[in-house]
């Protein structure tokens, strides 16, 4: 899971919006525990549930987690910029 968090952090490098991204190790509790995050993943059993603002939006195979998180982060970043959110840097938090 920490390796996944490192990969997500690397993928968000250069982004200039203050996204909060959670990388959780438990599919059952992950989205609820990370509901304060803008975006996140709860992974387990070879798949990841991608969530936005605590709501699961899709489930992807483990091999697609980082790619999907980055795609969703770009969408959220665009929305945040359009809404006039001040620039900042993304924060990635990992928990089991």
PDB file of N, CA and C in Angstrom:
ATOM      1  N   UNK A   1       0.809  -1.182   0.000  1.00  0.00           N
ATOM      2  CA  UNK A   1       0.000   0.000   0.000  1.00  0.00           C
ATOM      3  C   UNK A   1       0.863   1.261   0.000  1.00  0.00           C
ATOM      4  N   UNK A   2       1.966   1.272   0.741  1.00  0.00           N
ATOM      5  CA  UNK A   2       2.824   2.454   0.761  1.00  0.00           C
ATOM      6  C   UNK A   2       3.512   2.649  -0.587  1.00  0.00           C
ATOM      7  N   UNK A   3       3.811   1.550  -1.257  1.00  0.00           N
ATOM      8  CA  UNK A   3       4.369   1.641  -2.614  1.00  0.00           C
ATOM      9  C   UNK A   3       3.345   2.295  -3.536  1.00  0.00           C
ATOM     10  N   UNK A   4       2.093   1.910  -3.391  1.00  0.00           N
ATOM     11  CA  UNK A   4       1.014   2.502  -4.178  1.00  0.00           C
ATOM     12  C   UNK A   4       0.921   4.007  -3.896  1.00  0.00           C
ATOM     13  N   UNK A   5       1.020   4.393  -2.634  1.00  0.00           N
ATOM     14  CA  UNK A   5       0.970   5.814  -2.269  1.00  0.00           C
ATOM     15  C   UNK A   5       2.132   6.572  -2.899  1.00  0.00           C
ATOM     16  N   UNK A   6       3.312   5.958  -2.938  1.00  0.00           N
ATOM     17  CA  UNK A   6       4.470   6.590  -3.562  1.00  0.00           C
ATOM     18  C   UNK A   6       4.255   6.768  -5.064  1.00  0.00           C
ATOM     19  N   UNK A   7       3.664   5.768  -5.701  1.00  0.00           N
ATOM     20  CA  UNK A   7       3.390   5.860  -7.141  1.00  0.00           C
ATOM     21  C   UNK A   7       2.369   6.954  -7.435  1.00  0.00           C
ATOM     22  N   UNK A   8       1.353   7.060  -6.594  1.00  0.00           N
ATOM     23  CA  UNK A   8       0.337   8.102  -6.769  1.00  0.00           C
ATOM     24  C   UNK A   8       0.969   9.480  -6.557  1.00  0.00           C
ATOM     25  N   UNK A   9       1.789   9.612  -5.534  1.00  0.00           N
ATOM     26  CA  UNK A   9       2.468  10.872  -5.264  1.00  0.00           C
ATOM     27  C   UNK A   9       3.311  11.287  -6.465  1.00  0.00           C
ATOM     28  N   UNK A  10       4.058  10.352  -7.026  1.00  0.00           N
ATOM     29  CA  UNK A  10       4.876  10.643  -8.201  1.00  0.00           C
ATOM     30  C   UNK A  10       4.008  11.065  -9.384  1.00  0.00           C
ATOM     31  N   UNK A  11       2.862  10.429  -9.544  1.00  0.00           N
ATOM     32  CA  UNK A  11       1.962  10.751 -10.646  1.00  0.00           C
ATOM     33  C   UNK A  11       1.319  12.115 -10.530  1.00  0.00           C
ATOM     34  N   UNK A  12       1.221  12.627  -9.317  1.00  0.00           N
ATOM     35  CA  UNK A  12       0.608  13.933  -9.084  1.00  0.00           C
ATOM     36  C   UNK A  12       1.633  15.062  -9.098  1.00  0.00           C
ATOM     37  N   UNK A  13       2.894  14.704  -9.240  1.00  0.00           N
ATOM     38  CA  UNK A  13       3.958  15.704  -9.224  1.00  0.00           C
ATOM     39  C   UNK A  13       3.723  16.764 -10.299  1.00  0.00           C
ATOM     40  N   UNK A  14       3.873  18.005  -9.919  1.00  0.00           N
ATOM     41  CA  UNK A  14       3.667  19.107 -10.849  1.00  0.00           C
ATOM     42  C   UNK A  14       2.255  19.658 -10.833  1.00  0.00           C
ATOM     43  N   UNK A  15       1.333  18.935 -10.232  1.00  0.00           N
ATOM     44  CA  UNK A  15      -0.039  19.416 -10.137  1.00  0.00           C
ATOM     45  C   UNK A  15      -0.068  20.578  -9.147  1.00  0.00           C
ATOM     46  N   UNK A  16      -0.851  21.597  -9.440  1.00  0.00           N
ATOM     47  CA  UNK A  16      -0.841  22.796  -8.610  1.00  0.00           C
ATOM     48  C   UNK A  16      -2.189  23.105  -7.971  1.00  0.00           C
ATOM     49  N   UNK A  17      -2.858  22.064  -7.502  1.00  0.00           N
ATOM     50  CA  UNK A  17      -4.097  22.256  -6.743  1.00  0.00           C
ATOM     51  C   UNK A  17      -3.982  21.460  -5.448  1.00  0.00           C
ATOM     52  N   UNK A  18      -4.611  21.945  -4.382  1.00  0.00           N
ATOM     53  CA  UNK A  18      -4.470  21.289  -3.081  1.00  0.00           C
ATOM     54  C   UNK A  18      -5.386  20.074  -2.897  1.00  0.00           C
ATOM     55  N   UNK A  19      -5.265  19.093  -3.778  1.00  0.00           N
ATOM     56  CA  UNK A  19      -6.050  17.857  -3.658  1.00  0.00           C
ATOM     57  C   UNK A  19      -5.607  17.063  -2.435  1.00  0.00           C
ATOM     58  N   UNK A  20      -6.561  16.455  -1.764  1.00  0.00           N
ATOM     59  CA  UNK A  20      -6.250  15.521  -0.684  1.00  0.00           C
ATOM     60  C   UNK A  20      -6.586  14.128  -1.196  1.00  0.00           C
ATOM     61  N   UNK A  21      -5.584  13.257  -1.264  1.00  0.00           N
ATOM     62  CA  UNK A  21      -5.746  11.917  -1.814  1.00  0.00           C
ATOM     63  C   UNK A  21      -5.455  10.895  -0.722  1.00  0.00           C
ATOM     64  N   UNK A  22      -6.359   9.946  -0.544  1.00  0.00           N
ATOM     65  CA  UNK A  22      -6.200   8.903   0.466  1.00  0.00           C
ATOM     66  C   UNK A  22      -5.962   7.564  -0.220  1.00  0.00           C
ATOM     67  N   UNK A  23      -4.971   6.829   0.266  1.00  0.00           N
ATOM     68  CA  UNK A  23      -4.700   5.481  -0.215  1.00  0.00           C
ATOM     69  C   UNK A  23      -4.932   4.570   0.978  1.00  0.00           C
ATOM     70  N   UNK A  24      -6.035   3.832   0.921  1.00  0.00           N
ATOM     71  CA  UNK A  24      -6.470   3.012   2.047  1.00  0.00           C
ATOM     72  C   UNK A  24      -6.306   1.528   1.731  1.00  0.00           C
ATOM     73  N   UNK A  25      -6.037   0.749   2.744  1.00  0.00           N
ATOM     74  CA  UNK A  25      -5.828  -0.672   2.554  1.00  0.00           C
ATOM     75  C   UNK A  25      -7.056  -1.528   2.778  1.00  0.00           C
ATOM     76  N   UNK A  26      -8.159  -0.931   3.175  1.00  0.00           N
ATOM     77  CA  UNK A  26      -9.353  -1.707   3.502  1.00  0.00           C
ATOM     78  C   UNK A  26     -10.536  -1.265   2.651  1.00  0.00           C
ATOM     79  N   UNK A  27     -11.036  -2.167   1.822  1.00  0.00           N
ATOM     80  CA  UNK A  27     -12.167  -1.856   0.948  1.00  0.00           C
ATOM     81  C   UNK A  27     -13.442  -1.614   1.762  1.00  0.00           C
ATOM     82  N   UNK A  28     -13.593  -2.311   2.887  1.00  0.00           N
ATOM     83  CA  UNK A  28     -14.810  -2.183   3.676  1.00  0.00           C
ATOM     84  C   UNK A  28     -14.910  -0.805   4.338  1.00  0.00           C
ATOM     85  N   UNK A  29     -13.851  -0.364   4.984  1.00  0.00           N
ATOM     86  CA  UNK A  29     -13.897   0.890   5.737  1.00  0.00           C
ATOM     87  C   UNK A  29     -13.234   2.074   5.034  1.00  0.00           C
ATOM     88  N   UNK A  30     -12.461   1.824   4.010  1.00  0.00           N
ATOM     89  CA  UNK A  30     -11.666   2.861   3.354  1.00  0.00           C
ATOM     90  C   UNK A  30     -12.406   4.128   2.973  1.00  0.00           C
ATOM     91  N   UNK A  31     -13.462   4.039   2.152  1.00  0.00           N
ATOM     92  CA  UNK A  31     -14.146   5.271   1.737  1.00  0.00           C
ATOM     93  C   UNK A  31     -14.715   6.069   2.911  1.00  0.00           C
ATOM     94  N   UNK A  32     -15.241   5.393   3.892  1.00  0.00           N
ATOM     95  CA  UNK A  32     -15.794   6.104   5.047  1.00  0.00           C
ATOM     96  C   UNK A  32     -14.723   6.757   5.890  1.00  0.00           C
ATOM     97  N   UNK A  33     -13.617   6.047   6.113  1.00  0.00           N
ATOM     98  CA  UNK A  33     -12.535   6.592   6.913  1.00  0.00           C
ATOM     99  C   UNK A  33     -11.861   7.769   6.226  1.00  0.00           C
ATOM    100  N   UNK A  34     -11.893   7.797   4.914  1.00  0.00           N
ATOM    101  CA  UNK A  34     -11.210   8.847   4.160  1.00  0.00           C
ATOM    102  C   UNK A  34     -12.195   9.834   3.534  1.00  0.00           C
ATOM    103  N   UNK A  35     -13.364   9.983   4.116  1.00  0.00           N
ATOM    104  CA  UNK A  35     -14.387  10.830   3.500  1.00  0.00           C
ATOM    105  C   UNK A  35     -13.969  12.295   3.416  1.00  0.00           C
ATOM    106  N   UNK A  36     -12.978  12.708   4.189  1.00  0.00           N
ATOM    107  CA  UNK A  36     -12.494  14.089   4.123  1.00  0.00           C
ATOM    108  C   UNK A  36     -11.600  14.306   2.904  1.00  0.00           C
ATOM    109  N   UNK A  37     -11.143  13.221   2.295  1.00  0.00           N
ATOM    110  CA  UNK A  37     -10.272  13.330   1.120  1.00  0.00           C
ATOM    111  C   UNK A  37     -11.099  13.702  -0.107  1.00  0.00           C
ATOM    112  N   UNK A  38     -10.451  14.378  -1.036  1.00  0.00           N
ATOM    113  CA  UNK A  38     -11.112  14.702  -2.302  1.00  0.00           C
ATOM    114  C   UNK A  38     -11.221  13.461  -3.175  1.00  0.00           C
ATOM    115  N   UNK A  39     -10.208  12.617  -3.086  1.00  0.00           N
ATOM    116  CA  UNK A  39     -10.086  11.463  -3.968  1.00  0.00           C
ATOM    117  C   UNK A  39      -9.354  10.366  -3.225  1.00  0.00           C
ATOM    118  N   UNK A  40      -9.645   9.122  -3.550  1.00  0.00           N
ATOM    119  CA  UNK A  40      -8.912   8.053  -2.891  1.00  0.00           C
ATOM    120  C   UNK A  40      -9.177   6.696  -3.486  1.00  0.00           C
ATOM    121  N   UNK A  41      -8.472   5.734  -2.915  1.00  0.00           N
ATOM    122  CA  UNK A  41      -8.649   4.342  -3.293  1.00  0.00           C
ATOM    123  C   UNK A  41      -8.610   3.490  -2.034  1.00  0.00           C
ATOM    124  N   UNK A  42      -9.461   2.497  -2.016  1.00  0.00           N
ATOM    125  CA  UNK A  42      -9.436   1.470  -0.989  1.00  0.00           C
ATOM    126  C   UNK A  42      -9.144   0.177  -1.737  1.00  0.00           C
ATOM    127  N   UNK A  43      -8.024  -0.459  -1.427  1.00  0.00           N
ATOM    128  CA  UNK A  43      -7.616  -1.610  -2.220  1.00  0.00           C
ATOM    129  C   UNK A  43      -7.613  -2.896  -1.411  1.00  0.00           C
ATOM    130  N   UNK A  44      -7.759  -3.983  -2.133  1.00  0.00           N
ATOM    131  CA  UNK A  44      -7.724  -5.306  -1.536  1.00  0.00           C
ATOM    132  C   UNK A  44      -8.214  -6.346  -2.525  1.00  0.00           C
ATOM    133  N   UNK A  45      -7.763  -7.577  -2.362  1.00  0.00           N
ATOM    134  CA  UNK A  45      -8.182  -8.690  -3.211  1.00  0.00           C
ATOM    135  C   UNK A  45      -7.978  -8.438  -4.706  1.00  0.00           C
ATOM    136  N   UNK A  46      -6.876  -7.753  -5.052  1.00  0.00           N
ATOM    137  CA  UNK A  46      -6.552  -7.557  -6.457  1.00  0.00           C
ATOM    138  C   UNK A  46      -7.323  -6.473  -7.177  1.00  0.00           C
ATOM    139  N   UNK A  47      -8.038  -5.631  -6.412  1.00  0.00           N
ATOM    140  CA  UNK A  47      -8.797  -4.555  -7.051  1.00  0.00           C
ATOM    141  C   UNK A  47      -8.797  -3.333  -6.146  1.00  0.00           C
ATOM    142  N   UNK A  48      -9.243  -2.214  -6.704  1.00  0.00           N
ATOM    143  CA  UNK A  48      -9.319  -0.996  -5.926  1.00  0.00           C
ATOM    144  C   UNK A  48     -10.635  -0.288  -6.186  1.00  0.00           C
ATOM    145  N   UNK A  49     -11.242   0.200  -5.128  1.00  0.00           N
ATOM    146  CA  UNK A  49     -12.444   1.008  -5.267  1.00  0.00           C
ATOM    147  C   UNK A  49     -12.008   2.461  -5.245  1.00  0.00           C
ATOM    148  N   UNK A  50     -12.278   3.161  -6.330  1.00  0.00           N
ATOM    149  CA  UNK A  50     -11.925   4.565  -6.446  1.00  0.00           C
ATOM    150  C   UNK A  50     -13.097   5.383  -5.911  1.00  0.00           C
ATOM    151  N   UNK A  51     -12.792   6.344  -5.044  1.00  0.00           N
ATOM    152  CA  UNK A  51     -13.874   7.154  -4.502  1.00  0.00           C
ATOM    153  C   UNK A  51     -13.531   8.639  -4.574  1.00  0.00           C
ATOM    154  N   UNK A  52     -14.579   9.434  -4.704  1.00  0.00           N
ATOM    155  CA  UNK A  52     -14.490  10.889  -4.729  1.00  0.00           C
ATOM    156  C   UNK A  52     -15.409  11.398  -3.635  1.00  0.00           C
ATOM    157  N   UNK A  53     -14.853  12.190  -2.728  1.00  0.00           N
ATOM    158  CA  UNK A  53     -15.626  12.750  -1.598  1.00  0.00           C
ATOM    159  C   UNK A  53     -16.367  11.659  -0.834  1.00  0.00           C
ATOM    160  N   UNK A  54     -15.731  10.499  -0.653  1.00  0.00           N
ATOM    161  CA  UNK A  54     -16.307   9.415   0.128  1.00  0.00           C
ATOM    162  C   UNK A  54     -17.272   8.510  -0.603  1.00  0.00           C
ATOM    163  N   UNK A  55     -17.585   8.814  -1.850  1.00  0.00           N
ATOM    164  CA  UNK A  55     -18.519   8.005  -2.635  1.00  0.00           C
ATOM    165  C   UNK A  55     -17.754   7.172  -3.659  1.00  0.00           C
ATOM    166  N   UNK A  56     -17.964   5.863  -3.651  1.00  0.00           N
ATOM    167  CA  UNK A  56     -17.299   4.983  -4.614  1.00  0.00           C
ATOM    168  C   UNK A  56     -17.845   5.290  -6.009  1.00  0.00           C
ATOM    169  N   UNK A  57     -16.930   5.560  -6.950  1.00  0.00           N
ATOM    170  CA  UNK A  57     -17.359   5.870  -8.315  1.00  0.00           C
ATOM    171  C   UNK A  57     -17.053   4.738  -9.283  1.00  0.00           C
ATOM    172  N   UNK A  58     -16.067   3.891  -8.942  1.00  0.00           N
ATOM    173  CA  UNK A  58     -15.763   2.745  -9.802  1.00  0.00           C
ATOM    174  C   UNK A  58     -14.825   1.795  -9.085  1.00  0.00           C
ATOM    175  N   UNK A  59     -14.803   0.568  -9.575  1.00  0.00           N
ATOM    176  CA  UNK A  59     -13.874  -0.449  -9.093  1.00  0.00           C
ATOM    177  C   UNK A  59     -13.009  -0.863 -10.266  1.00  0.00           C
ATOM    178  N   UNK A  60     -11.697  -0.890 -10.032  1.00  0.00           N
ATOM    179  CA  UNK A  60     -10.756  -1.200 -11.111  1.00  0.00           C
ATOM    180  C   UNK A  60      -9.802  -2.298 -10.665  1.00  0.00           C
ATOM    181  N   UNK A  61      -9.206  -3.030 -11.629  1.00  0.00           N
ATOM    182  CA  UNK A  61      -8.198  -4.025 -11.266  1.00  0.00           C
ATOM    183  C   UNK A  61      -6.982  -3.322 -10.663  1.00  0.00           C
ATOM    184  N   UNK A  62      -6.266  -4.047  -9.830  1.00  0.00           N
ATOM    185  CA  UNK A  62      -5.085  -3.500  -9.159  1.00  0.00           C
ATOM    186  C   UNK A  62      -4.111  -2.833 -10.140  1.00  0.00           C
ATOM    187  N   UNK A  63      -3.967  -3.408 -11.318  1.00  0.00           N
ATOM    188  CA  UNK A  63      -3.023  -2.879 -12.301  1.00  0.00           C
ATOM    189  C   UNK A  63      -3.431  -1.513 -12.846  1.00  0.00           C
ATOM    190  N   UNK A  64      -4.673  -1.100 -12.628  1.00  0.00           N
ATOM    191  CA  UNK A  64      -5.186   0.170 -13.157  1.00  0.00           C
ATOM    192  C   UNK A  64      -5.398   1.236 -12.077  1.00  0.00           C
ATOM    193  N   UNK A  65      -5.059   0.936 -10.827  1.00  0.00           N
ATOM    194  CA  UNK A  65      -5.354   1.861  -9.732  1.00  0.00           C
ATOM    195  C   UNK A  65      -4.658   3.210  -9.919  1.00  0.00           C
ATOM    196  N   UNK A  66      -3.349   3.188 -10.101  1.00  0.00           N
ATOM    197  CA  UNK A  66      -2.604   4.452 -10.198  1.00  0.00           C
ATOM    198  C   UNK A  66      -3.078   5.260 -11.403  1.00  0.00           C
ATOM    199  N   UNK A  67      -3.187   4.607 -12.545  1.00  0.00           N
ATOM    200  CA  UNK A  67      -3.639   5.273 -13.768  1.00  0.00           C
ATOM    201  C   UNK A  67      -5.008   5.924 -13.563  1.00  0.00           C
ATOM    202  N   UNK A  68      -5.923   5.194 -12.951  1.00  0.00           N
ATOM    203  CA  UNK A  68      -7.283   5.701 -12.739  1.00  0.00           C
ATOM    204  C   UNK A  68      -7.291   6.856 -11.736  1.00  0.00           C
ATOM    205  N   UNK A  69      -6.513   6.733 -10.656  1.00  0.00           N
ATOM    206  CA  UNK A  69      -6.444   7.818  -9.685  1.00  0.00           C
ATOM    207  C   UNK A  69      -5.914   9.104 -10.319  1.00  0.00           C
ATOM    208  N   UNK A  70      -4.897   8.979 -11.160  1.00  0.00           N
ATOM    209  CA  UNK A  70      -4.332  10.158 -11.815  1.00  0.00           C
ATOM    210  C   UNK A  70      -5.367  10.786 -12.752  1.00  0.00           C
ATOM    211  N   UNK A  71      -6.079   9.953 -13.508  1.00  0.00           N
ATOM    212  CA  UNK A  71      -7.130  10.476 -14.400  1.00  0.00           C
ATOM    213  C   UNK A  71      -8.187  11.244 -13.607  1.00  0.00           C
ATOM    214  N   UNK A  72      -8.625  10.656 -12.502  1.00  0.00           N
ATOM    215  CA  UNK A  72      -9.648  11.308 -11.679  1.00  0.00           C
ATOM    216  C   UNK A  72      -9.087  12.561 -11.010  1.00  0.00           C
ATOM    217  N   UNK A  73      -7.817  12.538 -10.624  1.00  0.00           N
ATOM    218  CA  UNK A  73      -7.186  13.714 -10.017  1.00  0.00           C
ATOM    219  C   UNK A  73      -7.142  14.865 -11.014  1.00  0.00           C
ATOM    220  N   UNK A  74      -6.846  14.564 -12.267  1.00  0.00           N
ATOM    221  CA  UNK A  74      -6.817  15.607 -13.293  1.00  0.00           C
ATOM    222  C   UNK A  74      -8.199  16.229 -13.487  1.00  0.00           C
ATOM    223  N   UNK A  75      -9.235  15.393 -13.460  1.00  0.00           N
ATOM    224  CA  UNK A  75     -10.601  15.904 -13.582  1.00  0.00           C
ATOM    225  C   UNK A  75     -10.944  16.824 -12.410  1.00  0.00           C
ATOM    226  N   UNK A  76     -10.616  16.367 -11.204  1.00  0.00           N
ATOM    227  CA  UNK A  76     -10.902  17.177 -10.016  1.00  0.00           C
ATOM    228  C   UNK A  76     -10.093  18.470 -10.024  1.00  0.00           C
ATOM    229  N   UNK A  77      -8.842  18.391 -10.456  1.00  0.00           N
ATOM    230  CA  UNK A  77      -7.988  19.575 -10.507  1.00  0.00           C
ATOM    231  C   UNK A  77      -8.586  20.611 -11.450  1.00  0.00           C
ATOM    232  N   UNK A  78      -9.076  20.163 -12.579  1.00  0.00           N
ATOM    233  CA  UNK A  78      -9.694  21.075 -13.541  1.00  0.00           C
ATOM    234  C   UNK A  78     -10.924  21.744 -12.925  1.00  0.00           C
ATOM    235  N   UNK A  79     -11.747  20.952 -12.243  1.00  0.00           N
ATOM    236  CA  UNK A  79     -12.939  21.504 -11.593  1.00  0.00           C
ATOM    237  C   UNK A  79     -12.556  22.520 -10.522  1.00  0.00           C
ATOM    238  N   UNK A  80     -11.504  22.212  -9.759  1.00  0.00           N
ATOM    239  CA  UNK A  80     -11.058  23.103  -8.692  1.00  0.00           C
ATOM    240  C   UNK A  80     -10.531  24.417  -9.272  1.00  0.00           C
ATOM    241  N   UNK A  81      -9.792  24.316 -10.366  1.00  0.00           N
ATOM    242  CA  UNK A  81      -9.266  25.523 -10.994  1.00  0.00           C
ATOM    243  C   UNK A  81     -10.398  26.385 -11.543  1.00  0.00           C
ATOM    244  N   UNK A  82     -11.384  25.751 -12.165  1.00  0.00           N
ATOM    245  CA  UNK A  82     -12.538  26.483 -12.693  1.00  0.00           C
ATOM    246  C   UNK A  82     -13.321  27.170 -11.580  1.00  0.00           C
ATOM    247  N   UNK A  83     -13.323  26.540 -10.397  1.00  0.00           N
ATOM    248  CA  UNK A  83     -14.040  27.104  -9.253  1.00  0.00           C
ATOM    249  C   UNK A  83     -13.217  28.177  -8.540  1.00  0.00           C
ATOM    250  N   UNK A  84     -11.997  28.403  -9.008  1.00  0.00           N
ATOM    251  CA  UNK A  84     -11.166  29.447  -8.422  1.00  0.00           C
ATOM    252  C   UNK A  84     -10.425  29.058  -7.163  1.00  0.00           C
ATOM    253  N   UNK A  85     -10.247  27.759  -6.927  1.00  0.00           N
ATOM    254  CA  UNK A  85      -9.498  27.304  -5.760  1.00  0.00           C
ATOM    255  C   UNK A  85      -8.045  27.743  -5.921  1.00  0.00           C
ATOM    256  N   UNK A  86      -7.485  28.292  -4.852  1.00  0.00           N
ATOM    257  CA  UNK A  86      -6.102  28.754  -4.901  1.00  0.00           C
ATOM    258  C   UNK A  86      -5.155  27.589  -5.128  1.00  0.00           C
ATOM    259  N   UNK A  87      -4.031  27.898  -5.755  1.00  0.00           N
ATOM    260  CA  UNK A  87      -3.076  26.838  -6.047  1.00  0.00           C
ATOM    261  C   UNK A  87      -2.454  26.296  -4.765  1.00  0.00           C
ATOM    262  N   UNK A  88      -1.949  25.117  -4.873  1.00  0.00           N
ATOM    263  CA  UNK A  88      -1.322  24.423  -3.756  1.00  0.00           C
ATOM    264  C   UNK A  88      -0.725  23.140  -4.284  1.00  0.00           C
ATOM    265  N   UNK A  89      -0.391  22.249  -3.402  1.00  0.00           N
ATOM    266  CA  UNK A  89       0.159  20.970  -3.831  1.00  0.00           C
ATOM    267  C   UNK A  89      -0.702  19.840  -3.292  1.00  0.00           C
ATOM    268  N   UNK A  90      -0.805  18.753  -4.046  1.00  0.00           N
ATOM    269  CA  UNK A  90      -1.582  17.600  -3.578  1.00  0.00           C
ATOM    270  C   UNK A  90      -0.928  16.958  -2.335  1.00  0.00           C
ATOM    271  N   UNK A  91      -1.760  16.372  -1.511  1.00  0.00           N
ATOM    272  CA  UNK A  91      -1.302  15.644  -0.342  1.00  0.00           C
ATOM    273  C   UNK A  91      -1.814  14.215  -0.458  1.00  0.00           C
ATOM    274  N   UNK A  92      -0.918  13.250  -0.302  1.00  0.00           N
ATOM    275  CA  UNK A  92      -1.302  11.840  -0.361  1.00  0.00           C
ATOM    276  C   UNK A  92      -1.083  11.255   1.029  1.00  0.00           C
ATOM    277  N   UNK A  93      -2.128  10.616   1.568  1.00  0.00           N
ATOM    278  CA  UNK A  93      -2.055   9.986   2.883  1.00  0.00           C
ATOM    279  C   UNK A  93      -2.363   8.498   2.715  1.00  0.00           C
ATOM    280  N   UNK A  94      -1.552   7.653   3.339  1.00  0.00           N
ATOM    281  CA  UNK A  94      -1.764   6.209   3.267  1.00  0.00           C
ATOM    282  C   UNK A  94      -2.109   5.680   4.660  1.00  0.00           C
ATOM    283  N   UNK A  95      -3.047   4.746   4.704  1.00  0.00           N
ATOM    284  CA  UNK A  95      -3.434   4.101   5.959  1.00  0.00           C
ATOM    285  C   UNK A  95      -3.934   2.699   5.669  1.00  0.00           C
ATOM    286  N   UNK A  96      -3.707   1.810   6.623  1.00  0.00           N
ATOM    287  CA  UNK A  96      -4.171   0.431   6.427  1.00  0.00           C
ATOM    288  C   UNK A  96      -5.543   0.220   6.979  1.00  0.00           C
TER     289      UNK A  96
END
